[in-house]
Amino acid sequence: MAVRKIIEIDEETCTGCGVCIPNCPEGAIQIIDGKARLISDIFCDGLGACLGKCPEDSITIIEREAEPYSERLVMENMVKFGDNTVYAHLKHLQDHGETDFLNEALAYLAEIGHPNLLENPPEGADDIQDMAACGTDEHEMIIGDVEEAPPATAGERPESQLGHWPVQLHLVSPQAPFLKGKELLVTADCVPFAMASFHQDYLRGRSVVIGCPKLDDARAYLEKFEQIFAANDFEKVILLHMEVPCCFGLKVLVERAIHKSGKQIELEEVTVSIQGKVI
């Protein structure tokens, strides 16, 4: 081992919110026992993409003896999560001037016949957002300019499309009969408040689980998703989350759980604006 730069997480101040996870495309951070943990020195490049994203300032860069960072192992793990994740990592290395690591990453991609995504960015690459903490301070809150609609008359009120209970992820049993034979709708719990057509457009005919990746235990969510995907044969999962950065953590959890299941499950991601529009 040699002395090098690496992140350190203050366990006393860390709240386990999980905001740091999407900011670490290398997969070096996970929520374990309610706290963010550095799971392996070899996955942390020490460049600090997660710095400044923690609402509690619990993450710092220090110098200590650590296992050497392995770009190859990072890339082997990263390609499993799709082109957007790979692209975000390549851009991260490019923007930090880490030419050696970038060349290693591109060489590995060439070995496996994967295109250079810096030359051919994935569709929607310009929309890959900075996963900053959201709503932790007044200046970070988003205020929408929404025109108030007139109240609906009694005859216009649509019926609820909810076909089962419970819906909160923590409370749903992986063996629940309502999960069988239907598409699974995973939604951040703010989405139904923002999207007036949620019941008709997305909930109808589907099983649903809801959760908040910022306020709840991300590790427990990951374990529950893994159990649900292991116990059921979904052909498709529809994921709805808000446009605010911390909400993207739900996507990370679902993607990791699907990958671990080893099953061919189609994932459809829908991002919703605070005005309730699909982005």
C-alpha atoms as a PDB file:
ATOM      1  CA  MET A   1       0.000   0.000   0.000  1.00  0.00           C
ATOM      2  CA  ALA A   2       1.042   3.579  -0.611  1.00  0.00           C
ATOM      3  CA  VAL A   3      -0.062   6.927   0.769  1.00  0.00           C
ATOM      4  CA  ARG A   4      -2.583   8.584  -1.557  1.00  0.00           C
ATOM      5  CA  LYS A   5      -5.657  10.792  -1.540  1.00  0.00           C
ATOM      6  CA  ILE A   6      -8.920   9.096  -0.647  1.00  0.00           C
ATOM      7  CA  ILE A   7     -12.262  10.133   0.789  1.00  0.00           C
ATOM      8  CA  GLU A   8     -13.127   9.983   4.474  1.00  0.00           C
ATOM      9  CA  ILE A   9     -16.709   9.961   5.766  1.00  0.00           C
ATOM     10  CA  ASP A  10     -17.509  11.413   9.182  1.00  0.00           C
ATOM     11  CA  GLU A  11     -19.787   8.811  10.742  1.00  0.00           C
ATOM     12  CA  GLU A  12     -20.919  11.207  13.475  1.00  0.00           C
ATOM     13  CA  THR A  13     -22.400  13.766  11.068  1.00  0.00           C
ATOM     14  CA  CYS A  14     -23.454  11.434   8.216  1.00  0.00           C
ATOM     15  CA  THR A  15     -27.245  11.009   8.160  1.00  0.00           C
ATOM     16  CA  GLY A  16     -27.301   8.204   5.600  1.00  0.00           C
ATOM     17  CA  CYS A  17     -29.385  10.263   3.166  1.00  0.00           C
ATOM     18  CA  GLY A  18     -27.681   8.656   0.153  1.00  0.00           C
ATOM     19  CA  VAL A  19     -27.207  11.887  -1.818  1.00  0.00           C
ATOM     20  CA  CYS A  20     -23.517  11.062  -2.242  1.00  0.00           C
ATOM     21  CA  ILE A  21     -24.170   7.735  -3.992  1.00  0.00           C
ATOM     22  CA  PRO A  22     -25.208   9.058  -7.434  1.00  0.00           C
ATOM     23  CA  ASN A  23     -22.188  11.400  -7.311  1.00  0.00           C
ATOM     24  CA  CYS A  24     -19.844   8.410  -7.114  1.00  0.00           C
ATOM     25  CA  PRO A  25     -20.136   6.601 -10.461  1.00  0.00           C
ATOM     26  CA  GLU A  26     -17.231   4.378  -9.410  1.00  0.00           C
ATOM     27  CA  GLY A  27     -19.531   2.708  -6.878  1.00  0.00           C
ATOM     28  CA  ALA A  28     -17.168   3.273  -3.944  1.00  0.00           C
ATOM     29  CA  ILE A  29     -19.910   4.420  -1.554  1.00  0.00           C
ATOM     30  CA  GLN A  30     -22.881   2.483  -0.237  1.00  0.00           C
ATOM     31  CA  ILE A  31     -25.390   3.052   2.552  1.00  0.00           C
ATOM     32  CA  ILE A  32     -24.784   0.384   5.196  1.00  0.00           C
ATOM     33  CA  ASP A  33     -26.459   0.343   8.610  1.00  0.00           C
ATOM     34  CA  GLY A  34     -27.853   3.807   7.967  1.00  0.00           C
ATOM     35  CA  LYS A  35     -24.494   5.438   7.169  1.00  0.00           C
ATOM     36  CA  ALA A  36     -22.538   6.135   3.993  1.00  0.00           C
ATOM     37  CA  ARG A  37     -19.512   3.821   3.879  1.00  0.00           C
ATOM     38  CA  LEU A  38     -16.467   3.610   1.630  1.00  0.00           C
ATOM     39  CA  ILE A  39     -16.780  -0.040   0.631  1.00  0.00           C
ATOM     40  CA  SER A  40     -13.373  -0.473  -1.019  1.00  0.00           C
ATOM     41  CA  ASP A  41     -10.249   1.647  -1.414  1.00  0.00           C
ATOM     42  CA  ILE A  42      -9.709   0.315  -4.933  1.00  0.00           C
ATOM     43  CA  PHE A  43     -12.953   1.911  -6.153  1.00  0.00           C
ATOM     44  CA  CYS A  44     -12.187   5.409  -4.813  1.00  0.00           C
ATOM     45  CA  ASP A  45     -10.083   7.524  -7.178  1.00  0.00           C
ATOM     46  CA  GLY A  46      -9.625  10.275  -4.598  1.00  0.00           C
ATOM     47  CA  LEU A  47     -10.752  13.008  -7.011  1.00  0.00           C
ATOM     48  CA  GLY A  48     -13.698  13.932  -4.819  1.00  0.00           C
ATOM     49  CA  ALA A  49     -16.703  13.970  -7.166  1.00  0.00           C
ATOM     50  CA  CYS A  50     -18.834  13.430  -4.067  1.00  0.00           C
ATOM     51  CA  LEU A  51     -17.356  16.422  -2.214  1.00  0.00           C
ATOM     52  CA  GLY A  52     -19.690  19.349  -1.829  1.00  0.00           C
ATOM     53  CA  LYS A  53     -22.731  17.172  -2.510  1.00  0.00           C
ATOM     54  CA  CYS A  54     -23.179  16.038   1.087  1.00  0.00           C
ATOM     55  CA  PRO A  55     -25.686  18.307   2.854  1.00  0.00           C
ATOM     56  CA  GLU A  56     -23.856  17.704   6.141  1.00  0.00           C
ATOM     57  CA  ASP A  57     -20.306  18.223   4.760  1.00  0.00           C
ATOM     58  CA  SER A  58     -19.470  14.761   6.077  1.00  0.00           C
ATOM     59  CA  ILE A  59     -17.114  13.836   3.225  1.00  0.00           C
ATOM     60  CA  THR A  60     -13.542  15.104   2.991  1.00  0.00           C
ATOM     61  CA  ILE A  61     -10.364  14.171   1.146  1.00  0.00           C
ATOM     62  CA  ILE A  62      -7.468  12.938   3.263  1.00  0.00           C
ATOM     63  CA  GLU A  63      -4.129  11.285   2.591  1.00  0.00           C
ATOM     64  CA  ARG A  64      -3.517   7.859   4.085  1.00  0.00           C
ATOM     65  CA  GLU A  65      -2.205   4.433   3.208  1.00  0.00           C
ATOM     66  CA  ALA A  66      -4.681   2.814   0.850  1.00  0.00           C
ATOM     67  CA  GLU A  67      -4.927   0.085  -1.740  1.00  0.00           C
ATOM     68  CA  PRO A  68      -4.152   1.452  -5.218  1.00  0.00           C
ATOM     69  CA  TYR A  69      -7.159   2.621  -7.209  1.00  0.00           C
ATOM     70  CA  SER A  70      -8.017   0.194 -10.028  1.00  0.00           C
ATOM     71  CA  GLU A  71      -9.561   1.796 -13.093  1.00  0.00           C
ATOM     72  CA  ARG A  72     -10.004  -1.598 -14.743  1.00  0.00           C
ATOM     73  CA  LEU A  73     -11.992  -3.053 -11.846  1.00  0.00           C
ATOM     74  CA  VAL A  74     -14.106   0.101 -11.737  1.00  0.00           C
ATOM     75  CA  MET A  75     -14.881  -0.183 -15.448  1.00  0.00           C
ATOM     76  CA  GLU A  76     -15.668  -3.904 -15.194  1.00  0.00           C
ATOM     77  CA  ASN A  77     -18.260  -3.054 -12.560  1.00  0.00           C
ATOM     78  CA  MET A  78     -19.517   0.111 -14.229  1.00  0.00           C
ATOM     79  CA  VAL A  79     -20.436  -1.271 -17.655  1.00  0.00           C
ATOM     80  CA  LYS A  80     -23.076  -3.397 -15.947  1.00  0.00           C
ATOM     81  CA  PHE A  81     -25.078  -0.268 -15.146  1.00  0.00           C
ATOM     82  CA  GLY A  82     -25.370   1.101 -18.677  1.00  0.00           C
ATOM     83  CA  ASP A  83     -23.994   3.769 -20.973  1.00  0.00           C
ATOM     84  CA  ASN A  84     -25.113   6.781 -18.955  1.00  0.00           C
ATOM     85  CA  THR A  85     -23.101   5.622 -15.950  1.00  0.00           C
ATOM     86  CA  VAL A  86     -20.044   4.874 -18.089  1.00  0.00           C
ATOM     87  CA  TYR A  87     -20.339   8.235 -19.841  1.00  0.00           C
ATOM     88  CA  ALA A  88     -20.621  10.106 -16.531  1.00  0.00           C
ATOM     89  CA  HIS A  89     -17.440   8.412 -15.308  1.00  0.00           C
ATOM     90  CA  LEU A  90     -15.491   9.154 -18.501  1.00  0.00           C
ATOM     91  CA  LYS A  91     -16.557  12.802 -18.336  1.00  0.00           C
ATOM     92  CA  HIS A  92     -15.530  12.875 -14.682  1.00  0.00           C
ATOM     93  CA  LEU A  93     -12.024  11.697 -15.563  1.00  0.00           C
ATOM     94  CA  GLN A  94     -11.791  14.023 -18.556  1.00  0.00           C
ATOM     95  CA  ASP A  95     -12.951  17.086 -16.617  1.00  0.00           C
ATOM     96  CA  HIS A  96     -10.396  16.397 -13.856  1.00  0.00           C
ATOM     97  CA  GLY A  97      -7.543  15.969 -16.328  1.00  0.00           C
ATOM     98  CA  GLU A  98      -6.954  12.356 -15.271  1.00  0.00           C
ATOM     99  CA  THR A  99      -5.493  11.304 -18.622  1.00  0.00           C
ATOM    100  CA  ASP A 100      -3.889   8.068 -17.401  1.00  0.00           C
ATOM    101  CA  PHE A 101      -7.096   6.774 -15.806  1.00  0.00           C
ATOM    102  CA  LEU A 102      -9.092   7.893 -18.839  1.00  0.00           C
ATOM    103  CA  ASN A 103      -6.791   6.044 -21.203  1.00  0.00           C
ATOM    104  CA  GLU A 104      -7.085   2.902 -19.059  1.00  0.00           C
ATOM    105  CA  ALA A 105     -10.860   3.174 -19.148  1.00  0.00           C
ATOM    106  CA  LEU A 106     -10.974   3.670 -22.916  1.00  0.00           C
ATOM    107  CA  ALA A 107      -8.544   0.785 -23.444  1.00  0.00           C
ATOM    108  CA  TYR A 108     -10.786  -1.527 -21.424  1.00  0.00           C
ATOM    109  CA  LEU A 109     -13.850  -0.436 -23.401  1.00  0.00           C
ATOM    110  CA  ALA A 110     -11.974  -1.109 -26.644  1.00  0.00           C
ATOM    111  CA  GLU A 111     -11.037  -4.600 -25.384  1.00  0.00           C
ATOM    112  CA  ILE A 112     -14.672  -5.548 -24.855  1.00  0.00           C
ATOM    113  CA  GLY A 113     -15.853  -3.893 -28.063  1.00  0.00           C
ATOM    114  CA  HIS A 114     -17.641  -1.050 -26.294  1.00  0.00           C
ATOM    115  CA  PRO A 115     -17.793   2.297 -28.140  1.00  0.00           C
ATOM    116  CA  ASN A 116     -15.935   5.380 -26.902  1.00  0.00           C
ATOM    117  CA  LEU A 117     -18.850   7.277 -25.381  1.00  0.00           C
ATOM    118  CA  LEU A 118     -16.906  10.528 -25.319  1.00  0.00           C
ATOM    119  CA  GLU A 119     -16.925  10.407 -29.116  1.00  0.00           C
ATOM    120  CA  ASN A 120     -20.423   8.933 -29.336  1.00  0.00           C
ATOM    121  CA  PRO A 121     -22.360  10.094 -26.231  1.00  0.00           C
ATOM    122  CA  PRO A 122     -25.473   8.113 -25.310  1.00  0.00           C
ATOM    123  CA  GLU A 123     -28.839   9.591 -26.171  1.00  0.00           C
ATOM    124  CA  GLY A 124     -29.813  12.146 -23.541  1.00  0.00           C
ATOM    125  CA  ALA A 125     -26.228  12.590 -22.326  1.00  0.00           C
ATOM    126  CA  ASP A 126     -26.724  16.347 -22.160  1.00  0.00           C
ATOM    127  CA  ASP A 127     -29.467  15.735 -19.620  1.00  0.00           C
ATOM    128  CA  ILE A 128     -27.274  13.792 -17.179  1.00  0.00           C
ATOM    129  CA  GLN A 129     -27.664  15.992 -14.145  1.00  0.00           C
ATOM    130  CA  ASP A 130     -25.357  17.038 -11.382  1.00  0.00           C
ATOM    131  CA  MET A 131     -26.499  14.980  -8.404  1.00  0.00           C
ATOM    132  CA  ALA A 132     -26.313  17.771  -5.826  1.00  0.00           C
ATOM    133  CA  ALA A 133     -28.202  17.693  -2.556  1.00  0.00           C
ATOM    134  CA  CYS A 134     -31.634  19.221  -2.926  1.00  0.00           C
ATOM    135  CA  GLY A 135     -33.938  21.086  -0.625  1.00  0.00           C
ATOM    136  CA  THR A 136     -31.486  21.265   2.275  1.00  0.00           C
ATOM    137  CA  ASP A 137     -31.276  25.043   2.259  1.00  0.00           C
ATOM    138  CA  GLU A 138     -33.713  27.756   1.317  1.00  0.00           C
ATOM    139  CA  HIS A 139     -31.683  28.810  -1.733  1.00  0.00           C
ATOM    140  CA  GLU A 140     -31.707  25.234  -3.049  1.00  0.00           C
ATOM    141  CA  MET A 141     -35.473  24.854  -3.030  1.00  0.00           C
ATOM    142  CA  ILE A 142     -37.308  24.868  -6.349  1.00  0.00           C
ATOM    143  CA  ILE A 143     -40.391  27.042  -6.687  1.00  0.00           C
ATOM    144  CA  GLY A 144     -42.650  26.224  -9.613  1.00  0.00           C
ATOM    145  CA  ASP A 145     -44.791  28.753 -11.451  1.00  0.00           C
ATOM    146  CA  VAL A 146     -47.982  26.716 -11.622  1.00  0.00           C
ATOM    147  CA  GLU A 147     -51.271  28.121 -12.865  1.00  0.00           C
ATOM    148  CA  GLU A 148     -54.036  27.145 -10.470  1.00  0.00           C
ATOM    149  CA  ALA A 149     -56.660  25.005 -12.142  1.00  0.00           C
ATOM    150  CA  PRO A 150     -60.379  25.368 -11.353  1.00  0.00           C
ATOM    151  CA  PRO A 151     -61.821  22.716  -9.027  1.00  0.00           C
ATOM    152  CA  ALA A 152     -63.239  19.655 -10.759  1.00  0.00           C
ATOM    153  CA  THR A 153     -66.957  18.995 -10.605  1.00  0.00           C
ATOM    154  CA  ALA A 154     -68.209  15.807  -9.015  1.00  0.00           C
ATOM    155  CA  GLY A 155     -68.759  14.160 -12.396  1.00  0.00           C
ATOM    156  CA  GLU A 156     -65.215  14.921 -13.567  1.00  0.00           C
ATOM    157  CA  ARG A 157     -63.355  13.329 -10.708  1.00  0.00           C
ATOM    158  CA  PRO A 158     -61.533  10.200 -11.900  1.00  0.00           C
ATOM    159  CA  GLU A 159     -61.603   7.068  -9.799  1.00  0.00           C
ATOM    160  CA  SER A 160     -58.522   5.795  -7.991  1.00  0.00           C
ATOM    161  CA  GLN A 161     -56.560   3.142  -9.880  1.00  0.00           C
ATOM    162  CA  LEU A 162     -54.858   1.791  -6.756  1.00  0.00           C
ATOM    163  CA  GLY A 163     -55.495  -1.937  -6.621  1.00  0.00           C
ATOM    164  CA  HIS A 164     -53.655  -3.001  -3.469  1.00  0.00           C
ATOM    165  CA  TRP A 165     -52.292  -2.022  -0.083  1.00  0.00           C
ATOM    166  CA  PRO A 166     -49.688  -1.383   1.301  1.00  0.00           C
ATOM    167  CA  VAL A 167     -47.638   0.632  -1.174  1.00  0.00           C
ATOM    168  CA  GLN A 168     -44.689   1.888   0.902  1.00  0.00           C
ATOM    169  CA  LEU A 169     -41.634  -0.164  -0.030  1.00  0.00           C
ATOM    170  CA  HIS A 170     -40.702  -0.972   3.573  1.00  0.00           C
ATOM    171  CA  LEU A 171     -44.161  -2.493   4.142  1.00  0.00           C
ATOM    172  CA  VAL A 172     -44.526  -4.518   0.938  1.00  0.00           C
ATOM    173  CA  SER A 173     -43.785  -8.235   1.219  1.00  0.00           C
ATOM    174  CA  PRO A 174     -41.674  -9.633  -1.645  1.00  0.00           C
ATOM    175  CA  GLN A 175     -44.133 -12.554  -1.787  1.00  0.00           C
ATOM    176  CA  ALA A 176     -47.239 -10.340  -1.912  1.00  0.00           C
ATOM    177  CA  PRO A 177     -49.797 -11.810  -4.356  1.00  0.00           C
ATOM    178  CA  PHE A 178     -50.477  -8.402  -5.922  1.00  0.00           C
ATOM    179  CA  LEU A 179     -46.921  -8.405  -7.320  1.00  0.00           C
ATOM    180  CA  LYS A 180     -47.618 -11.469  -9.451  1.00  0.00           C
ATOM    181  CA  GLY A 181     -48.386 -11.176 -13.148  1.00  0.00           C
ATOM    182  CA  LYS A 182     -48.208  -7.401 -13.421  1.00  0.00           C
ATOM    183  CA  GLU A 183     -45.722  -4.736 -14.367  1.00  0.00           C
ATOM    184  CA  LEU A 184     -44.134  -3.082 -11.351  1.00  0.00           C
ATOM    185  CA  LEU A 185     -44.382   0.685 -10.927  1.00  0.00           C
ATOM    186  CA  VAL A 186     -41.675   2.136  -8.669  1.00  0.00           C
ATOM    187  CA  THR A 187     -42.287   5.767  -7.843  1.00  0.00           C
ATOM    188  CA  ALA A 188     -40.759   8.418  -5.643  1.00  0.00           C
ATOM    189  CA  ASP A 189     -43.443   9.410  -3.183  1.00  0.00           C
ATOM    190  CA  CYS A 190     -43.580  13.033  -4.389  1.00  0.00           C
ATOM    191  CA  VAL A 191     -44.541  12.064  -7.954  1.00  0.00           C
ATOM    192  CA  PRO A 192     -48.272  11.461  -7.364  1.00  0.00           C
ATOM    193  CA  PHE A 193     -48.555  14.930  -5.785  1.00  0.00           C
ATOM    194  CA  ALA A 194     -46.921  16.609  -8.780  1.00  0.00           C
ATOM    195  CA  MET A 195     -48.550  14.599 -11.582  1.00  0.00           C
ATOM    196  CA  ALA A 196     -52.290  15.073 -11.814  1.00  0.00           C
ATOM    197  CA  SER A 197     -52.665  12.231 -14.325  1.00  0.00           C
ATOM    198  CA  PHE A 198     -50.606   9.742 -12.297  1.00  0.00           C
ATOM    199  CA  HIS A 199     -53.476   7.316 -11.652  1.00  0.00           C
ATOM    200  CA  GLN A 200     -54.721   7.210 -15.232  1.00  0.00           C
ATOM    201  CA  ASP A 201     -51.371   7.382 -17.046  1.00  0.00           C
ATOM    202  CA  TYR A 202     -49.169   5.157 -14.883  1.00  0.00           C
ATOM    203  CA  LEU A 203     -50.934   3.395 -11.995  1.00  0.00           C
ATOM    204  CA  ARG A 204     -53.757   1.732 -13.914  1.00  0.00           C
ATOM    205  CA  GLY A 205     -53.261  -2.055 -14.077  1.00  0.00           C
ATOM    206  CA  ARG A 206     -49.896  -2.077 -12.302  1.00  0.00           C
ATOM    207  CA  SER A 207     -48.529  -2.986  -8.888  1.00  0.00           C
ATOM    208  CA  VAL A 208     -46.848  -0.034  -7.188  1.00  0.00           C
ATOM    209  CA  VAL A 209     -44.256   0.583  -4.507  1.00  0.00           C
ATOM    210  CA  ILE A 210     -43.261   4.058  -3.338  1.00  0.00           C
ATOM    211  CA  GLY A 211     -40.321   5.486  -1.417  1.00  0.00           C
ATOM    212  CA  CYS A 212     -38.004   8.440  -0.866  1.00  0.00           C
ATOM    213  CA  PRO A 213     -34.284   7.804  -1.500  1.00  0.00           C
ATOM    214  CA  LYS A 214     -33.284  10.900   0.473  1.00  0.00           C
ATOM    215  CA  LEU A 215     -35.255  10.460   3.705  1.00  0.00           C
ATOM    216  CA  ASP A 216     -35.346   6.672   4.057  1.00  0.00           C
ATOM    217  CA  ASP A 217     -32.715   3.964   4.527  1.00  0.00           C
ATOM    218  CA  ALA A 218     -31.233   3.402   1.058  1.00  0.00           C
ATOM    219  CA  ARG A 219     -29.547   0.151   2.123  1.00  0.00           C
ATOM    220  CA  ALA A 220     -32.859  -1.269   3.353  1.00  0.00           C
ATOM    221  CA  TYR A 221     -34.483  -0.187   0.088  1.00  0.00           C
ATOM    222  CA  LEU A 222     -31.798  -1.956  -1.923  1.00  0.00           C
ATOM    223  CA  GLU A 223     -32.251  -5.164   0.048  1.00  0.00           C
ATOM    224  CA  LYS A 224     -36.045  -5.021  -0.379  1.00  0.00           C
ATOM    225  CA  PHE A 225     -35.769  -4.440  -4.137  1.00  0.00           C
ATOM    226  CA  GLU A 226     -33.374  -7.396  -4.361  1.00  0.00           C
ATOM    227  CA  GLN A 227     -35.889  -9.592  -2.513  1.00  0.00           C
ATOM    228  CA  ILE A 228     -38.781  -8.425  -4.704  1.00  0.00           C
ATOM    229  CA  PHE A 229     -36.922  -9.086  -7.952  1.00  0.00           C
ATOM    230  CA  ALA A 230     -35.744 -12.487  -6.700  1.00  0.00           C
ATOM    231  CA  ALA A 231     -39.265 -13.567  -5.746  1.00  0.00           C
ATOM    232  CA  ASN A 232     -41.098 -12.332  -8.843  1.00  0.00           C
ATOM    233  CA  ASP A 233     -40.768 -12.525 -12.629  1.00  0.00           C
ATOM    234  CA  PHE A 234     -41.316  -9.002 -13.889  1.00  0.00           C
ATOM    235  CA  GLU A 235     -40.888  -8.376 -17.593  1.00  0.00           C
ATOM    236  CA  LYS A 236     -40.855  -4.622 -17.049  1.00  0.00           C
ATOM    237  CA  VAL A 237     -40.356  -2.069 -14.274  1.00  0.00           C
ATOM    238  CA  ILE A 238     -41.475   1.531 -14.726  1.00  0.00           C
ATOM    239  CA  LEU A 239     -39.547   3.985 -12.538  1.00  0.00           C
ATOM    240  CA  LEU A 240     -40.921   7.480 -11.874  1.00  0.00           C
ATOM    241  CA  HIS A 241     -38.862  10.060 -10.014  1.00  0.00           C
ATOM    242  CA  MET A 242     -38.803  13.829  -9.689  1.00  0.00           C
ATOM    243  CA  GLU A 243     -36.347  16.089 -11.519  1.00  0.00           C
ATOM    244  CA  VAL A 244     -34.685  17.153  -8.248  1.00  0.00           C
ATOM    245  CA  PRO A 245     -31.172  15.644  -7.980  1.00  0.00           C
ATOM    246  CA  CYS A 246     -31.542  13.575  -4.819  1.00  0.00           C
ATOM    247  CA  CYS A 247     -34.496  11.736  -6.348  1.00  0.00           C
ATOM    248  CA  PHE A 248     -32.177  10.109  -8.898  1.00  0.00           C
ATOM    249  CA  GLY A 249     -30.872   7.883  -6.094  1.00  0.00           C
ATOM    250  CA  LEU A 250     -33.968   5.725  -6.580  1.00  0.00           C
ATOM    251  CA  LYS A 251     -32.766   4.849 -10.084  1.00  0.00           C
ATOM    252  CA  VAL A 252     -29.378   3.743  -8.736  1.00  0.00           C
ATOM    253  CA  LEU A 253     -31.033   1.398  -6.242  1.00  0.00           C
ATOM    254  CA  VAL A 254     -33.406  -0.157  -8.790  1.00  0.00           C
ATOM    255  CA  GLU A 255     -30.645  -0.638 -11.375  1.00  0.00           C
ATOM    256  CA  ARG A 256     -28.361  -2.332  -8.868  1.00  0.00           C
ATOM    257  CA  ALA A 257     -31.113  -4.632  -7.641  1.00  0.00           C
ATOM    258  CA  ILE A 258     -32.103  -5.642 -11.185  1.00  0.00           C
ATOM    259  CA  HIS A 259     -28.478  -6.355 -12.021  1.00  0.00           C
ATOM    260  CA  LYS A 260     -28.003  -8.483  -8.924  1.00  0.00           C
ATOM    261  CA  SER A 261     -31.141 -10.471  -9.733  1.00  0.00           C
ATOM    262  CA  GLY A 262     -29.510 -11.689 -12.944  1.00  0.00           C
ATOM    263  CA  LYS A 263     -32.893 -11.437 -14.678  1.00  0.00           C
ATOM    264  CA  GLN A 264     -33.697  -9.740 -17.980  1.00  0.00           C
ATOM    265  CA  ILE A 265     -36.017  -7.012 -16.702  1.00  0.00           C
ATOM    266  CA  GLU A 266     -36.760  -4.007 -18.889  1.00  0.00           C
ATOM    267  CA  LEU A 267     -36.436  -0.718 -16.982  1.00  0.00           C
ATOM    268  CA  GLU A 268     -38.346   2.334 -18.207  1.00  0.00           C
ATOM    269  CA  GLU A 269     -37.282   5.559 -16.468  1.00  0.00           C
ATOM    270  CA  VAL A 270     -39.585   8.585 -16.348  1.00  0.00           C
ATOM    271  CA  THR A 271     -38.405  11.923 -14.935  1.00  0.00           C
ATOM    272  CA  VAL A 272     -41.142  14.267 -13.737  1.00  0.00           C
ATOM    273  CA  SER A 273     -40.852  18.043 -13.374  1.00  0.00           C
ATOM    274  CA  ILE A 274     -42.210  19.837 -10.307  1.00  0.00           C
ATOM    275  CA  GLN A 275     -45.049  21.015 -12.551  1.00  0.00           C
ATOM    276  CA  GLY A 276     -45.971  17.359 -13.096  1.00  0.00           C
ATOM    277  CA  LYS A 277     -44.759  17.133 -16.696  1.00  0.00           C
ATOM    278  CA  VAL A 278     -42.725  14.241 -18.118  1.00  0.00           C
ATOM    279  CA  ILE A 279     -39.241  15.451 -19.010  1.00  0.00           C
END
